[in-house]
Amino acid sequence: MLVASRPTHAEDQQKRFLEIPTENDTLTFDLKTVQFISPGRFTVISTRIDNPDVMKQQLKSLGILKSYCDRPDGKYPAPADLLQLGQPDLPIEQIEVKSRQTKASGMTYPFKMVSWKYPYVRLAHPAYLHCKQWGRSESELYMESHNLIANGLRTKELYDCKRGLSGSFMHDDDDLSKAFTAPVRKGTNGLAWYRAVCRAVTQEEPYLPE
């Protein structure tokens, strides 16, 4: 009598996670978190984590920006060892320190941020670190930024595979009315993710907008 073999742990993991790599990061969908709202419409948890070279650049930048938190407002030359991705293909900007006052819960708090624009085309967003924010300590703010880079950005997302829609939530426990949803666009990463996730979850070809 033939006995069906049980799937291995590696096979289970491969079925559970859908990984979509890009130039700078890898987007991983945990298919075990899928919750159906209606046929073809569901939520799923994704985690975006940077590729090793990008993560190295971001962690190095964060560590250097931290050393500028005690400096007065102004612009400072970027140190040479800040460049971790090779020869820059954009102008090397200065590190900027900015302070201001902000209000929260009827109280006024000091706000301070250090930022630097990456001189690389592949990194469109700037590096930044909040040094002071709503009464939180500098070490708390630094560790929050560090962990976000090292552990990745976790997001609850919504897909409607019958209508060509995708969206995301600010928090995992947000109700469906709080999802920011929009049509997927041709020629974008969003469309590639939509097609891959819909195929993996529904085992069908999704609706593609004109």
C-alpha atoms as a PDB file:
ATOM      1  CA  MET A   1       0.000   0.000   0.000  1.00  0.00           C
ATOM      2  CA  LEU A   2       1.328   3.413  -0.936  1.00  0.00           C
ATOM      3  CA  VAL A   3       1.476   6.015   1.830  1.00  0.00           C
ATOM      4  CA  ALA A   4       1.471   9.668   0.876  1.00  0.00           C
ATOM      5  CA  SER A   5       4.544  11.453   2.172  1.00  0.00           C
ATOM      6  CA  ARG A   6       4.036  14.396   4.487  1.00  0.00           C
ATOM      7  CA  PRO A   7       5.287  17.771   3.257  1.00  0.00           C
ATOM      8  CA  THR A   8       8.590  18.864   4.790  1.00  0.00           C
ATOM      9  CA  HIS A   9       9.007  21.995   6.901  1.00  0.00           C
ATOM     10  CA  ALA A  10      10.786  23.680   3.988  1.00  0.00           C
ATOM     11  CA  GLU A  11       7.881  22.873   1.668  1.00  0.00           C
ATOM     12  CA  ASP A  12       5.366  24.207   4.199  1.00  0.00           C
ATOM     13  CA  GLN A  13       7.354  27.433   4.498  1.00  0.00           C
ATOM     14  CA  GLN A  14       7.566  27.773   0.721  1.00  0.00           C
ATOM     15  CA  LYS A  15       3.787  27.461   0.416  1.00  0.00           C
ATOM     16  CA  ARG A  16       3.159  29.853   3.291  1.00  0.00           C
ATOM     17  CA  PHE A  17       5.355  32.747   2.129  1.00  0.00           C
ATOM     18  CA  LEU A  18       5.245  34.544  -1.194  1.00  0.00           C
ATOM     19  CA  GLU A  19       8.471  36.486  -1.797  1.00  0.00           C
ATOM     20  CA  ILE A  20       8.745  39.208  -4.439  1.00  0.00           C
ATOM     21  CA  PRO A  21      12.274  40.671  -4.804  1.00  0.00           C
ATOM     22  CA  THR A  22      13.063  44.117  -6.212  1.00  0.00           C
ATOM     23  CA  GLU A  23      16.322  46.017  -6.721  1.00  0.00           C
ATOM     24  CA  ASN A  24      16.364  47.395  -3.181  1.00  0.00           C
ATOM     25  CA  ASP A  25      14.243  45.055  -1.066  1.00  0.00           C
ATOM     26  CA  THR A  26      12.116  41.932  -0.821  1.00  0.00           C
ATOM     27  CA  LEU A  27       8.370  42.038  -0.185  1.00  0.00           C
ATOM     28  CA  THR A  28       7.122  38.918   1.619  1.00  0.00           C
ATOM     29  CA  PHE A  29       3.433  38.050   1.977  1.00  0.00           C
ATOM     30  CA  ASP A  30       2.449  35.686   4.794  1.00  0.00           C
ATOM     31  CA  LEU A  31      -0.351  33.671   3.184  1.00  0.00           C
ATOM     32  CA  LYS A  32      -1.282  32.191   6.564  1.00  0.00           C
ATOM     33  CA  THR A  33      -2.611  35.638   7.541  1.00  0.00           C
ATOM     34  CA  VAL A  34      -5.106  35.829   4.649  1.00  0.00           C
ATOM     35  CA  GLN A  35      -8.627  36.745   5.765  1.00  0.00           C
ATOM     36  CA  PHE A  36     -11.367  36.677   3.136  1.00  0.00           C
ATOM     37  CA  ILE A  37     -13.956  39.452   3.127  1.00  0.00           C
ATOM     38  CA  SER A  38     -15.802  38.172   0.065  1.00  0.00           C
ATOM     39  CA  PRO A  39     -14.835  35.991  -2.925  1.00  0.00           C
ATOM     40  CA  GLY A  40     -11.628  37.437  -4.396  1.00  0.00           C
ATOM     41  CA  ARG A  41     -11.410  40.170  -1.735  1.00  0.00           C
ATOM     42  CA  PHE A  42      -9.123  39.637   1.262  1.00  0.00           C
ATOM     43  CA  THR A  43      -6.546  41.105   3.637  1.00  0.00           C
ATOM     44  CA  VAL A  44      -2.995  39.810   4.085  1.00  0.00           C
ATOM     45  CA  ILE A  45       0.103  40.803   6.077  1.00  0.00           C
ATOM     46  CA  SER A  46       3.260  41.767   4.193  1.00  0.00           C
ATOM     47  CA  THR A  47       6.789  42.572   5.357  1.00  0.00           C
ATOM     48  CA  ARG A  48       9.179  44.672   3.320  1.00  0.00           C
ATOM     49  CA  ILE A  49      12.862  44.211   4.218  1.00  0.00           C
ATOM     50  CA  ASP A  50      15.835  45.822   2.499  1.00  0.00           C
ATOM     51  CA  ASN A  51      18.465  43.904   0.567  1.00  0.00           C
ATOM     52  CA  PRO A  52      21.790  43.497   2.444  1.00  0.00           C
ATOM     53  CA  ASP A  53      23.672  46.310   0.677  1.00  0.00           C
ATOM     54  CA  VAL A  54      20.815  48.775   1.119  1.00  0.00           C
ATOM     55  CA  MET A  55      20.364  47.792   4.766  1.00  0.00           C
ATOM     56  CA  LYS A  56      24.086  48.325   5.370  1.00  0.00           C
ATOM     57  CA  GLN A  57      23.835  51.835   3.893  1.00  0.00           C
ATOM     58  CA  GLN A  58      20.737  52.706   5.914  1.00  0.00           C
ATOM     59  CA  LEU A  59      22.114  51.438   9.246  1.00  0.00           C
ATOM     60  CA  LYS A  60      25.405  53.260   8.652  1.00  0.00           C
ATOM     61  CA  SER A  61      23.503  56.463   7.836  1.00  0.00           C
ATOM     62  CA  LEU A  62      21.338  56.121  10.927  1.00  0.00           C
ATOM     63  CA  GLY A  63      24.355  55.689  13.200  1.00  0.00           C
ATOM     64  CA  ILE A  64      26.055  58.773  11.786  1.00  0.00           C
ATOM     65  CA  LEU A  65      22.887  60.891  11.908  1.00  0.00           C
ATOM     66  CA  LYS A  66      22.563  60.038  15.605  1.00  0.00           C
ATOM     67  CA  SER A  67      25.882  61.779  16.272  1.00  0.00           C
ATOM     68  CA  TYR A  68      24.375  65.034  14.915  1.00  0.00           C
ATOM     69  CA  CYS A  69      21.420  65.122  17.332  1.00  0.00           C
ATOM     70  CA  ASP A  70      23.314  67.340  19.800  1.00  0.00           C
ATOM     71  CA  ARG A  71      24.458  69.816  17.160  1.00  0.00           C
ATOM     72  CA  PRO A  72      22.823  73.214  16.532  1.00  0.00           C
ATOM     73  CA  ASP A  73      20.439  73.633  13.612  1.00  0.00           C
ATOM     74  CA  GLY A  74      22.210  73.968  10.300  1.00  0.00           C
ATOM     75  CA  LYS A  75      23.856  72.038   7.480  1.00  0.00           C
ATOM     76  CA  TYR A  76      27.040  69.987   7.827  1.00  0.00           C
ATOM     77  CA  PRO A  77      29.310  68.246   5.267  1.00  0.00           C
ATOM     78  CA  ALA A  78      28.613  64.531   4.979  1.00  0.00           C
ATOM     79  CA  PRO A  79      31.590  62.394   6.128  1.00  0.00           C
ATOM     80  CA  ALA A  80      33.211  60.245   3.447  1.00  0.00           C
ATOM     81  CA  ASP A  81      32.536  56.961   5.270  1.00  0.00           C
ATOM     82  CA  LEU A  82      28.790  57.609   4.957  1.00  0.00           C
ATOM     83  CA  LEU A  83      28.897  56.330   1.359  1.00  0.00           C
ATOM     84  CA  GLN A  84      28.363  52.565   1.422  1.00  0.00           C
ATOM     85  CA  LEU A  85      26.889  51.860  -2.028  1.00  0.00           C
ATOM     86  CA  GLY A  86      29.924  52.800  -4.082  1.00  0.00           C
ATOM     87  CA  GLN A  87      30.391  55.790  -6.355  1.00  0.00           C
ATOM     88  CA  PRO A  88      27.448  58.233  -6.031  1.00  0.00           C
ATOM     89  CA  ASP A  89      25.377  58.957  -9.136  1.00  0.00           C
ATOM     90  CA  LEU A  90      23.765  62.059  -7.602  1.00  0.00           C
ATOM     91  CA  PRO A  91      25.274  65.155  -5.922  1.00  0.00           C
ATOM     92  CA  ILE A  92      26.369  64.593  -2.315  1.00  0.00           C
ATOM     93  CA  GLU A  93      24.069  66.694  -0.138  1.00  0.00           C
ATOM     94  CA  GLN A  94      24.844  68.048   3.322  1.00  0.00           C
ATOM     95  CA  ILE A  95      23.426  66.648   6.553  1.00  0.00           C
ATOM     96  CA  GLU A  96      20.683  68.938   7.846  1.00  0.00           C
ATOM     97  CA  VAL A  97      19.644  69.479  11.484  1.00  0.00           C
ATOM     98  CA  LYS A  98      16.234  71.120  12.071  1.00  0.00           C
ATOM     99  CA  SER A  99      14.354  72.004  15.262  1.00  0.00           C
ATOM    100  CA  ARG A 100      10.881  73.406  15.929  1.00  0.00           C
ATOM    101  CA  GLN A 101       8.044  73.319  18.423  1.00  0.00           C
ATOM    102  CA  THR A 102       5.064  71.007  17.919  1.00  0.00           C
ATOM    103  CA  LYS A 103       1.756  70.554  19.730  1.00  0.00           C
ATOM    104  CA  ALA A 104       0.236  67.253  20.888  1.00  0.00           C
ATOM    105  CA  SER A 105      -2.626  66.688  23.355  1.00  0.00           C
ATOM    106  CA  GLY A 106      -2.759  70.403  24.100  1.00  0.00           C
ATOM    107  CA  MET A 107       0.903  70.606  25.073  1.00  0.00           C
ATOM    108  CA  THR A 108       3.957  71.985  23.281  1.00  0.00           C
ATOM    109  CA  TYR A 109       6.987  69.758  22.743  1.00  0.00           C
ATOM    110  CA  PRO A 110      10.382  70.287  21.116  1.00  0.00           C
ATOM    111  CA  PHE A 111      10.856  68.481  17.807  1.00  0.00           C
ATOM    112  CA  LYS A 112      14.248  67.866  16.238  1.00  0.00           C
ATOM    113  CA  MET A 113      15.227  65.881  13.170  1.00  0.00           C
ATOM    114  CA  VAL A 114      18.444  65.091  11.318  1.00  0.00           C
ATOM    115  CA  SER A 115      18.186  64.211   7.622  1.00  0.00           C
ATOM    116  CA  TRP A 116      20.395  63.450   4.622  1.00  0.00           C
ATOM    117  CA  LYS A 117      19.517  62.782   0.978  1.00  0.00           C
ATOM    118  CA  TYR A 118      21.104  59.629  -0.389  1.00  0.00           C
ATOM    119  CA  PRO A 119      23.291  60.410  -3.431  1.00  0.00           C
ATOM    120  CA  TYR A 120      22.035  57.303  -5.228  1.00  0.00           C
ATOM    121  CA  VAL A 121      19.281  57.071  -7.835  1.00  0.00           C
ATOM    122  CA  ARG A 122      18.131  53.727  -6.462  1.00  0.00           C
ATOM    123  CA  LEU A 123      17.374  55.267  -3.039  1.00  0.00           C
ATOM    124  CA  ALA A 124      14.794  57.948  -3.706  1.00  0.00           C
ATOM    125  CA  HIS A 125      13.759  58.531  -0.090  1.00  0.00           C
ATOM    126  CA  PRO A 126      16.071  60.389   2.352  1.00  0.00           C
ATOM    127  CA  ALA A 127      17.682  59.086   5.521  1.00  0.00           C
ATOM    128  CA  TYR A 128      16.309  60.753   8.640  1.00  0.00           C
ATOM    129  CA  LEU A 129      16.279  60.373  12.415  1.00  0.00           C
ATOM    130  CA  HIS A 130      13.957  62.015  14.942  1.00  0.00           C
ATOM    131  CA  CYS A 131      16.051  63.176  17.886  1.00  0.00           C
ATOM    132  CA  LYS A 132      13.212  64.750  19.917  1.00  0.00           C
ATOM    133  CA  GLN A 133       9.517  64.021  19.501  1.00  0.00           C
ATOM    134  CA  TRP A 134       6.554  64.363  21.855  1.00  0.00           C
ATOM    135  CA  GLY A 135       8.530  63.730  25.012  1.00  0.00           C
ATOM    136  CA  ARG A 136      10.138  60.480  23.797  1.00  0.00           C
ATOM    137  CA  SER A 137      13.806  59.880  24.525  1.00  0.00           C
ATOM    138  CA  GLU A 138      16.518  60.015  21.882  1.00  0.00           C
ATOM    139  CA  SER A 139      17.441  56.368  22.504  1.00  0.00           C
ATOM    140  CA  GLU A 140      13.811  55.239  22.012  1.00  0.00           C
ATOM    141  CA  LEU A 141      13.539  57.087  18.712  1.00  0.00           C
ATOM    142  CA  TYR A 142      16.871  55.709  17.508  1.00  0.00           C
ATOM    143  CA  MET A 143      15.978  52.098  18.368  1.00  0.00           C
ATOM    144  CA  GLU A 144      12.594  52.443  16.674  1.00  0.00           C
ATOM    145  CA  SER A 145      14.279  53.560  13.444  1.00  0.00           C
ATOM    146  CA  HIS A 146      16.998  50.915  13.775  1.00  0.00           C
ATOM    147  CA  ASN A 147      14.485  48.093  14.280  1.00  0.00           C
ATOM    148  CA  LEU A 148      12.373  49.261  11.347  1.00  0.00           C
ATOM    149  CA  ILE A 149      15.416  48.936   9.072  1.00  0.00           C
ATOM    150  CA  ALA A 150      16.687  45.665  10.555  1.00  0.00           C
ATOM    151  CA  ASN A 151      13.325  43.891  10.931  1.00  0.00           C
ATOM    152  CA  GLY A 152      11.424  45.360   7.995  1.00  0.00           C
ATOM    153  CA  LEU A 153       8.159  47.240   7.586  1.00  0.00           C
ATOM    154  CA  ARG A 154       5.087  45.137   8.427  1.00  0.00           C
ATOM    155  CA  THR A 155       1.839  46.191   6.733  1.00  0.00           C
ATOM    156  CA  LYS A 156      -1.718  44.894   6.585  1.00  0.00           C
ATOM    157  CA  GLU A 157      -2.879  45.067   2.978  1.00  0.00           C
ATOM    158  CA  LEU A 158      -6.148  44.610   1.115  1.00  0.00           C
ATOM    159  CA  TYR A 159      -6.589  43.085  -2.347  1.00  0.00           C
ATOM    160  CA  ASP A 160      -9.724  42.861  -4.464  1.00  0.00           C
ATOM    161  CA  CYS A 161      -8.806  40.482  -7.266  1.00  0.00           C
ATOM    162  CA  LYS A 162     -12.158  40.833  -9.027  1.00  0.00           C
ATOM    163  CA  ARG A 163     -12.020  44.617  -9.313  1.00  0.00           C
ATOM    164  CA  GLY A 164      -8.328  45.474  -9.774  1.00  0.00           C
ATOM    165  CA  LEU A 165      -7.996  47.194  -6.386  1.00  0.00           C
ATOM    166  CA  SER A 166      -5.339  47.182  -3.688  1.00  0.00           C
ATOM    167  CA  GLY A 167      -4.925  49.095  -0.454  1.00  0.00           C
ATOM    168  CA  SER A 168      -3.311  49.206   2.962  1.00  0.00           C
ATOM    169  CA  PHE A 169      -4.123  49.963   6.592  1.00  0.00           C
ATOM    170  CA  MET A 170      -2.313  52.175   9.091  1.00  0.00           C
ATOM    171  CA  HIS A 171      -2.750  49.522  11.830  1.00  0.00           C
ATOM    172  CA  ASP A 172      -3.420  45.782  11.834  1.00  0.00           C
ATOM    173  CA  ASP A 173      -6.627  46.171  13.855  1.00  0.00           C
ATOM    174  CA  ASP A 174      -8.156  48.882  11.649  1.00  0.00           C
ATOM    175  CA  ASP A 175     -11.584  48.025  10.263  1.00  0.00           C
ATOM    176  CA  LEU A 176     -12.193  47.754   6.526  1.00  0.00           C
ATOM    177  CA  SER A 177     -13.493  51.312   6.214  1.00  0.00           C
ATOM    178  CA  LYS A 178     -10.013  52.611   7.071  1.00  0.00           C
ATOM    179  CA  ALA A 179      -8.224  50.934   4.169  1.00  0.00           C
ATOM    180  CA  PHE A 180      -6.713  53.366   1.662  1.00  0.00           C
ATOM    181  CA  THR A 181      -7.688  51.607  -1.573  1.00  0.00           C
ATOM    182  CA  ALA A 182      -6.962  52.536  -5.184  1.00  0.00           C
ATOM    183  CA  PRO A 183      -6.974  50.877  -8.636  1.00  0.00           C
ATOM    184  CA  VAL A 184      -3.764  49.083  -9.553  1.00  0.00           C
ATOM    185  CA  ARG A 185      -1.823  50.741 -12.366  1.00  0.00           C
ATOM    186  CA  LYS A 186      -0.202  49.170 -15.382  1.00  0.00           C
ATOM    187  CA  GLY A 187       3.589  49.281 -15.517  1.00  0.00           C
ATOM    188  CA  THR A 188       3.996  49.554 -11.727  1.00  0.00           C
ATOM    189  CA  ASN A 189       5.306  47.287  -8.992  1.00  0.00           C
ATOM    190  CA  GLY A 190       1.839  47.470  -7.481  1.00  0.00           C
ATOM    191  CA  LEU A 191       0.363  45.642 -10.468  1.00  0.00           C
ATOM    192  CA  ALA A 192       3.049  42.939 -10.294  1.00  0.00           C
ATOM    193  CA  TRP A 193       2.366  42.429  -6.578  1.00  0.00           C
ATOM    194  CA  TYR A 194      -1.404  42.380  -7.188  1.00  0.00           C
ATOM    195  CA  ARG A 195      -1.121  39.692  -9.847  1.00  0.00           C
ATOM    196  CA  ALA A 196       1.261  37.522  -7.822  1.00  0.00           C
ATOM    197  CA  VAL A 197      -0.725  37.730  -4.573  1.00  0.00           C
ATOM    198  CA  CYS A 198      -4.091  37.173  -6.256  1.00  0.00           C
ATOM    199  CA  ARG A 199      -2.790  34.116  -8.103  1.00  0.00           C
ATOM    200  CA  ALA A 200      -1.262  32.654  -4.936  1.00  0.00           C
ATOM    201  CA  VAL A 201      -4.380  33.195  -2.798  1.00  0.00           C
ATOM    202  CA  THR A 202      -7.272  32.572  -5.214  1.00  0.00           C
ATOM    203  CA  GLN A 203      -5.521  30.165  -7.613  1.00  0.00           C
ATOM    204  CA  GLU A 204      -7.126  32.172 -10.422  1.00  0.00           C
ATOM    205  CA  GLU A 205      -6.116  34.909 -12.842  1.00  0.00           C
ATOM    206  CA  PRO A 206      -7.166  38.279 -11.371  1.00  0.00           C
ATOM    207  CA  TYR A 207      -9.113  40.992 -13.128  1.00  0.00           C
ATOM    208  CA  LEU A 208      -6.787  43.410 -14.885  1.00  0.00           C
ATOM    209  CA  PRO A 209      -7.924  47.018 -15.375  1.00  0.00           C
ATOM    210  CA  GLU A 210      -7.961  48.482 -18.869  1.00  0.00           C
END
